[in-house]
Amino acid sequence: MTRSCATSRAVGNWIATAPVVVVLACATASSPSAAPERVTVAPGMAYSGEWNTPLPPGVSSRPDSFRTQLMVSPGVEHIRTRAGTCPACTVEVRIRGIDTTRTFGPGTPPATGQAVAVIQNLDSRITEAYYGFRPSSYADYYFWVDKRPDADSSRITVLEVPRGAGLAVRAGRQKNLEYCHIYPPGHGHSRPDADFLEYKADCTVSANSAQSRILVASLLSSSSATGLVLWGATALRAAMTISQGGWIECNSGCCK
């Protein structure tokens, strides 16, 4: 009878933890050090595709005029894996800082708006899911930083600058600029830099990173956490957040 009870408890524990293990195993089929191959953006985070945000002041609706007015400095370049719009697919995206960004921050907006990063979707067919970056044969994309019209603070807007004739520059996602990390004096790159948040250490000046850690901690506390489950939960968190917003170097730190 004792053995039967022990066996029943073991089976019960397995039933309780099996769904978690199965989910984690599906999310971590590749090596934990490799970029996940089957990923999507977190639920509700895919961009709707509506490029109807009003263009910020100073942004020309004519692609040729926009490109002519760009101030471009040699910046740090990254090629990153991002979630695609199709199920379980990814795209490679190139992102590069193109202008000095250390003169402004969330509460110290630039005197005039400026493009601070250029982004290209290197896939020939698939659209990136979070921002809606189409293949580079169709358009280049830019992060644009300027002053909010209703406050003395900075905002960041993603711009689509198409290549085809007769097409206009459009604006998509737009948000207030916020600090992600505060750097000590002298820290950072000597050239303009921009990247995506999933390739940066968790923000220390935001509650978002704390919330994601609480989610994982809650998942682990609801089961008999083992080394395997711990490793799987970390990988699941990485897979679920593989496509987040962008960040740029800014005054005294990095901003998102």
Protein backbone atom coordinates (compact mmCIF):
# COMPACT_ATOMS: atom_id res chain seq x y z
CA MET A 1 0.00 0.00 0.00
CA THR A 2 2.84 2.36 0.84
CA ARG A 3 4.42 1.72 -2.53
CA SER A 4 1.06 2.29 -4.22
CA CYS A 5 0.63 5.70 -2.51
CA ALA A 6 4.16 6.72 -3.38
CA THR A 7 3.59 5.66 -6.97
CA SER A 8 0.33 7.62 -7.09
CA ARG A 9 2.06 10.73 -5.81
CA ALA A 10 4.83 10.33 -8.41
CA VAL A 11 2.28 9.95 -11.18
CA GLY A 12 0.38 12.98 -9.89
CA ASN A 13 3.54 15.06 -9.82
CA TRP A 14 4.33 14.02 -13.38
CA ILE A 15 0.83 14.90 -14.59
CA ALA A 16 1.13 18.33 -12.94
CA THR A 17 4.53 19.05 -14.45
CA ALA A 18 4.25 17.27 -17.79
CA PRO A 19 2.48 20.13 -19.62
CA VAL A 20 5.20 22.52 -18.51
CA VAL A 21 7.98 20.16 -19.56
CA VAL A 22 6.30 19.49 -22.92
CA VAL A 23 5.90 23.20 -23.61
CA LEU A 24 9.48 23.88 -22.61
CA ALA A 25 10.78 21.00 -24.69
CA CYS A 26 8.94 22.30 -27.75
CA ALA A 27 10.35 25.76 -27.20
CA THR A 28 13.91 24.51 -26.67
CA ALA A 29 14.41 21.83 -29.28
CA SER A 30 17.65 23.50 -30.40
CA SER A 31 20.79 24.00 -28.33
CA PRO A 32 20.25 26.46 -25.45
CA SER A 33 23.12 28.58 -26.76
CA ALA A 34 21.69 28.77 -30.29
CA ALA A 35 19.14 31.27 -31.52
CA PRO A 36 15.66 29.68 -31.39
CA GLU A 37 14.51 28.54 -34.83
CA ARG A 38 10.79 28.25 -34.07
CA VAL A 39 9.67 31.46 -32.50
CA THR A 40 6.94 34.05 -32.67
CA VAL A 41 6.47 37.36 -30.96
CA ALA A 42 4.79 37.34 -27.58
CA PRO A 43 0.97 37.23 -27.73
CA GLY A 44 -0.53 40.57 -28.68
CA MET A 45 2.81 42.06 -29.67
CA ALA A 46 2.69 41.55 -33.46
CA TYR A 47 2.34 44.82 -35.33
CA SER A 48 -1.07 45.32 -36.95
CA GLY A 49 0.46 46.64 -40.17
CA GLU A 50 -1.29 50.01 -39.96
CA TRP A 51 1.28 52.61 -41.01
CA ASN A 52 -1.03 55.53 -40.27
CA THR A 53 0.84 57.44 -37.54
CA PRO A 54 1.25 61.10 -38.57
CA LEU A 55 4.75 61.81 -39.89
CA PRO A 56 6.87 63.67 -37.32
CA PRO A 57 7.77 67.29 -38.16
CA GLY A 58 10.72 67.49 -40.54
CA VAL A 59 10.11 64.09 -42.13
CA SER A 60 9.52 64.38 -45.87
CA SER A 61 6.87 62.11 -47.34
CA ARG A 62 9.05 61.76 -50.46
CA PRO A 63 11.53 58.87 -50.10
CA ASP A 64 14.21 60.53 -52.27
CA SER A 65 13.99 63.78 -50.29
CA PHE A 66 14.13 61.90 -47.00
CA ARG A 67 17.28 60.01 -48.00
CA THR A 68 18.95 63.17 -49.33
CA GLN A 69 18.49 64.95 -46.00
CA LEU A 70 19.92 62.11 -43.87
CA MET A 71 22.94 62.80 -41.68
CA VAL A 72 24.79 59.47 -41.69
CA SER A 73 27.81 58.60 -39.53
CA PRO A 74 29.55 55.18 -39.54
CA GLY A 75 27.80 53.22 -36.81
CA VAL A 76 27.88 49.80 -35.16
CA GLU A 77 26.10 47.16 -37.26
CA HIS A 78 24.24 44.07 -36.01
CA ILE A 79 22.48 41.27 -37.91
CA ARG A 80 19.75 39.84 -35.72
CA THR A 81 17.19 37.03 -35.86
CA ARG A 82 13.61 38.31 -35.53
CA ALA A 83 10.21 36.65 -35.59
CA GLY A 84 8.43 36.63 -38.94
CA THR A 85 4.72 37.06 -39.60
CA CYS A 86 4.26 33.45 -40.71
CA PRO A 87 3.86 30.70 -38.09
CA ALA A 88 7.14 29.46 -36.58
CA CYS A 89 9.42 31.42 -38.91
CA THR A 90 12.18 33.99 -38.52
CA VAL A 91 13.94 36.63 -40.59
CA GLU A 92 17.40 38.15 -40.44
CA VAL A 93 17.39 41.91 -39.85
CA ARG A 94 20.31 44.32 -40.17
CA ILE A 95 20.29 47.31 -37.80
CA ARG A 96 22.91 50.05 -37.69
CA GLY A 97 23.25 53.31 -35.79
CA ILE A 98 23.71 56.23 -38.18
CA ASP A 99 23.82 59.43 -36.14
CA THR A 100 25.11 60.68 -32.82
CA THR A 101 22.55 60.03 -30.09
CA ARG A 102 24.47 60.87 -26.90
CA THR A 103 23.35 64.48 -26.84
CA PHE A 104 19.75 63.64 -25.90
CA GLY A 105 17.75 61.43 -23.57
CA PRO A 106 14.16 60.88 -22.45
CA GLY A 107 13.94 64.31 -20.77
CA THR A 108 16.33 66.14 -23.10
CA PRO A 109 14.94 65.87 -26.64
CA PRO A 110 17.02 66.81 -29.70
CA ALA A 111 16.59 70.36 -31.00
CA THR A 112 15.37 68.95 -34.30
CA GLY A 113 14.22 65.45 -35.20
CA GLN A 114 16.82 63.02 -36.53
CA ALA A 115 17.09 59.51 -37.92
CA VAL A 116 19.26 57.53 -35.51
CA ALA A 117 19.25 54.01 -36.99
CA VAL A 118 18.58 52.27 -40.30
CA ILE A 119 17.02 48.79 -40.42
CA GLN A 120 16.78 46.35 -43.32
CA ASN A 121 14.90 43.05 -43.44
CA LEU A 122 17.31 40.72 -45.28
CA ASP A 123 14.69 38.09 -46.06
CA SER A 124 13.44 38.14 -49.65
CA ARG A 125 9.81 37.24 -48.85
CA ILE A 126 8.82 37.29 -45.16
CA THR A 127 7.76 40.39 -43.22
CA GLU A 128 9.16 40.88 -39.70
CA ALA A 129 6.38 40.63 -37.11
CA TYR A 130 6.97 43.18 -34.35
CA TYR A 131 7.49 46.36 -36.38
CA GLY A 132 6.24 45.11 -39.75
CA PHE A 133 9.57 45.44 -41.58
CA ARG A 134 9.07 44.30 -45.16
CA PRO A 135 11.94 42.86 -47.24
CA SER A 136 14.65 45.41 -48.07
CA SER A 137 13.78 45.15 -51.76
CA TYR A 138 10.61 47.06 -50.82
CA ALA A 139 11.76 49.53 -48.17
CA ASP A 140 14.35 50.64 -45.64
CA TYR A 141 13.26 51.46 -42.09
CA TYR A 142 14.49 54.12 -39.68
CA PHE A 143 14.22 54.96 -36.00
CA TRP A 144 13.44 58.67 -35.76
CA VAL A 145 13.79 60.61 -32.50
CA ASP A 146 12.24 64.02 -31.91
CA LYS A 147 10.53 66.15 -29.26
CA ARG A 148 6.97 65.38 -28.29
CA PRO A 149 4.76 68.28 -29.37
CA ASP A 150 2.96 68.36 -26.02
CA ALA A 151 5.87 67.88 -23.60
CA ASP A 152 9.56 68.57 -23.15
CA SER A 153 10.51 64.95 -23.65
CA SER A 154 11.66 62.62 -26.43
CA ARG A 155 9.77 60.07 -28.49
CA ILE A 156 10.88 57.47 -31.03
CA THR A 157 9.03 56.58 -34.23
CA VAL A 158 9.68 53.85 -36.79
CA LEU A 159 9.56 55.09 -40.39
CA GLU A 160 9.08 53.11 -43.59
CA VAL A 161 10.95 54.59 -46.57
CA PRO A 162 9.95 52.64 -49.70
CA ARG A 163 12.03 52.16 -52.81
CA GLY A 164 9.28 52.00 -55.43
CA ALA A 165 8.18 54.99 -57.48
CA GLY A 166 5.06 56.82 -56.32
CA LEU A 167 5.19 55.47 -52.76
CA ALA A 168 5.28 57.70 -49.69
CA VAL A 169 7.20 57.60 -46.41
CA ARG A 170 4.99 56.24 -43.63
CA ALA A 171 5.19 56.16 -39.84
CA GLY A 172 4.30 53.14 -37.69
CA ARG A 173 5.00 52.31 -34.04
CA GLN A 174 5.65 55.38 -31.88
CA LYS A 175 6.43 55.60 -28.16
CA ASN A 176 8.00 57.80 -25.52
CA LEU A 177 11.74 57.33 -25.19
CA GLU A 178 12.69 55.73 -21.85
CA TYR A 179 15.96 54.78 -20.18
CA CYS A 180 16.83 51.09 -20.19
CA HIS A 181 20.27 51.31 -18.53
CA ILE A 182 22.22 54.15 -16.96
CA TYR A 183 25.92 53.94 -17.83
CA PRO A 184 28.87 55.17 -15.80
CA PRO A 185 30.85 58.05 -17.37
CA GLY A 186 32.93 56.94 -20.37
CA HIS A 187 30.94 53.75 -20.96
CA GLY A 188 29.53 52.84 -24.36
CA HIS A 189 30.51 52.68 -28.00
CA SER A 190 32.58 55.33 -29.75
CA ARG A 191 30.28 55.03 -32.79
CA PRO A 192 26.49 55.36 -33.02
CA ASP A 193 24.81 52.16 -31.88
CA ALA A 194 21.30 50.72 -32.02
CA ASP A 195 19.92 47.23 -31.47
CA PHE A 196 16.88 45.28 -30.26
CA LEU A 197 16.02 44.76 -26.60
CA GLU A 198 16.18 40.97 -26.68
CA TYR A 199 19.91 41.27 -27.41
CA LYS A 200 20.47 43.60 -24.46
CA ALA A 201 20.70 42.70 -20.78
CA ASP A 202 17.40 43.13 -18.92
CA CYS A 203 16.58 46.79 -18.39
CA THR A 204 17.48 48.03 -14.92
CA VAL A 205 15.49 51.29 -15.18
CA SER A 206 12.18 49.65 -16.11
CA ALA A 207 9.57 47.45 -14.43
CA ASN A 208 9.22 45.36 -17.60
CA SER A 209 12.27 43.22 -16.89
CA ALA A 210 11.09 42.62 -13.32
CA GLN A 211 7.69 41.53 -14.61
CA SER A 212 9.23 39.00 -16.98
CA ARG A 213 11.32 37.56 -14.15
CA ILE A 214 8.20 37.30 -11.95
CA LEU A 215 6.45 35.37 -14.74
CA VAL A 216 9.23 32.79 -14.88
CA ALA A 217 9.47 32.59 -11.08
CA SER A 218 5.72 31.99 -10.88
CA LEU A 219 5.95 29.21 -13.45
CA LEU A 220 8.72 27.48 -11.50
CA SER A 221 7.05 27.80 -8.09
CA SER A 222 3.93 26.03 -9.38
CA SER A 223 5.82 22.82 -10.10
CA SER A 224 8.62 20.72 -8.65
CA ALA A 225 11.36 22.74 -10.38
CA THR A 226 14.37 20.73 -11.48
CA GLY A 227 17.49 21.74 -13.37
CA LEU A 228 15.80 20.70 -16.61
CA VAL A 229 12.69 22.79 -15.96
CA LEU A 230 14.81 25.78 -14.91
CA TRP A 231 16.83 25.57 -18.11
CA GLY A 232 13.65 25.10 -20.13
CA ALA A 233 11.90 28.09 -18.53
CA THR A 234 14.85 30.33 -19.36
CA ALA A 235 14.77 29.18 -22.95
CA LEU A 236 10.99 29.61 -23.11
CA ARG A 237 11.34 33.18 -21.88
CA ALA A 238 13.95 33.85 -24.57
CA ALA A 239 11.73 32.36 -27.26
CA MET A 240 8.65 34.30 -26.17
CA THR A 241 10.51 37.61 -26.12
CA ILE A 242 12.71 37.20 -29.16
CA SER A 243 11.03 40.12 -30.89
CA GLN A 244 10.86 43.23 -28.76
CA GLY A 245 11.34 46.93 -29.43
CA GLY A 246 14.57 48.67 -30.29
CA TRP A 247 17.12 50.54 -28.19
CA ILE A 248 19.66 53.24 -28.97
CA GLU A 249 22.66 54.77 -27.24
CA CYS A 250 21.56 58.01 -25.55
CA ASN A 251 22.69 60.55 -22.99
CA SER A 252 24.11 58.72 -19.92
CA GLY A 253 22.88 55.29 -21.01
CA CYS A 254 20.80 53.37 -23.51
CA CYS A 255 17.18 54.15 -24.26
CA LYS A 256 14.24 52.20 -25.58
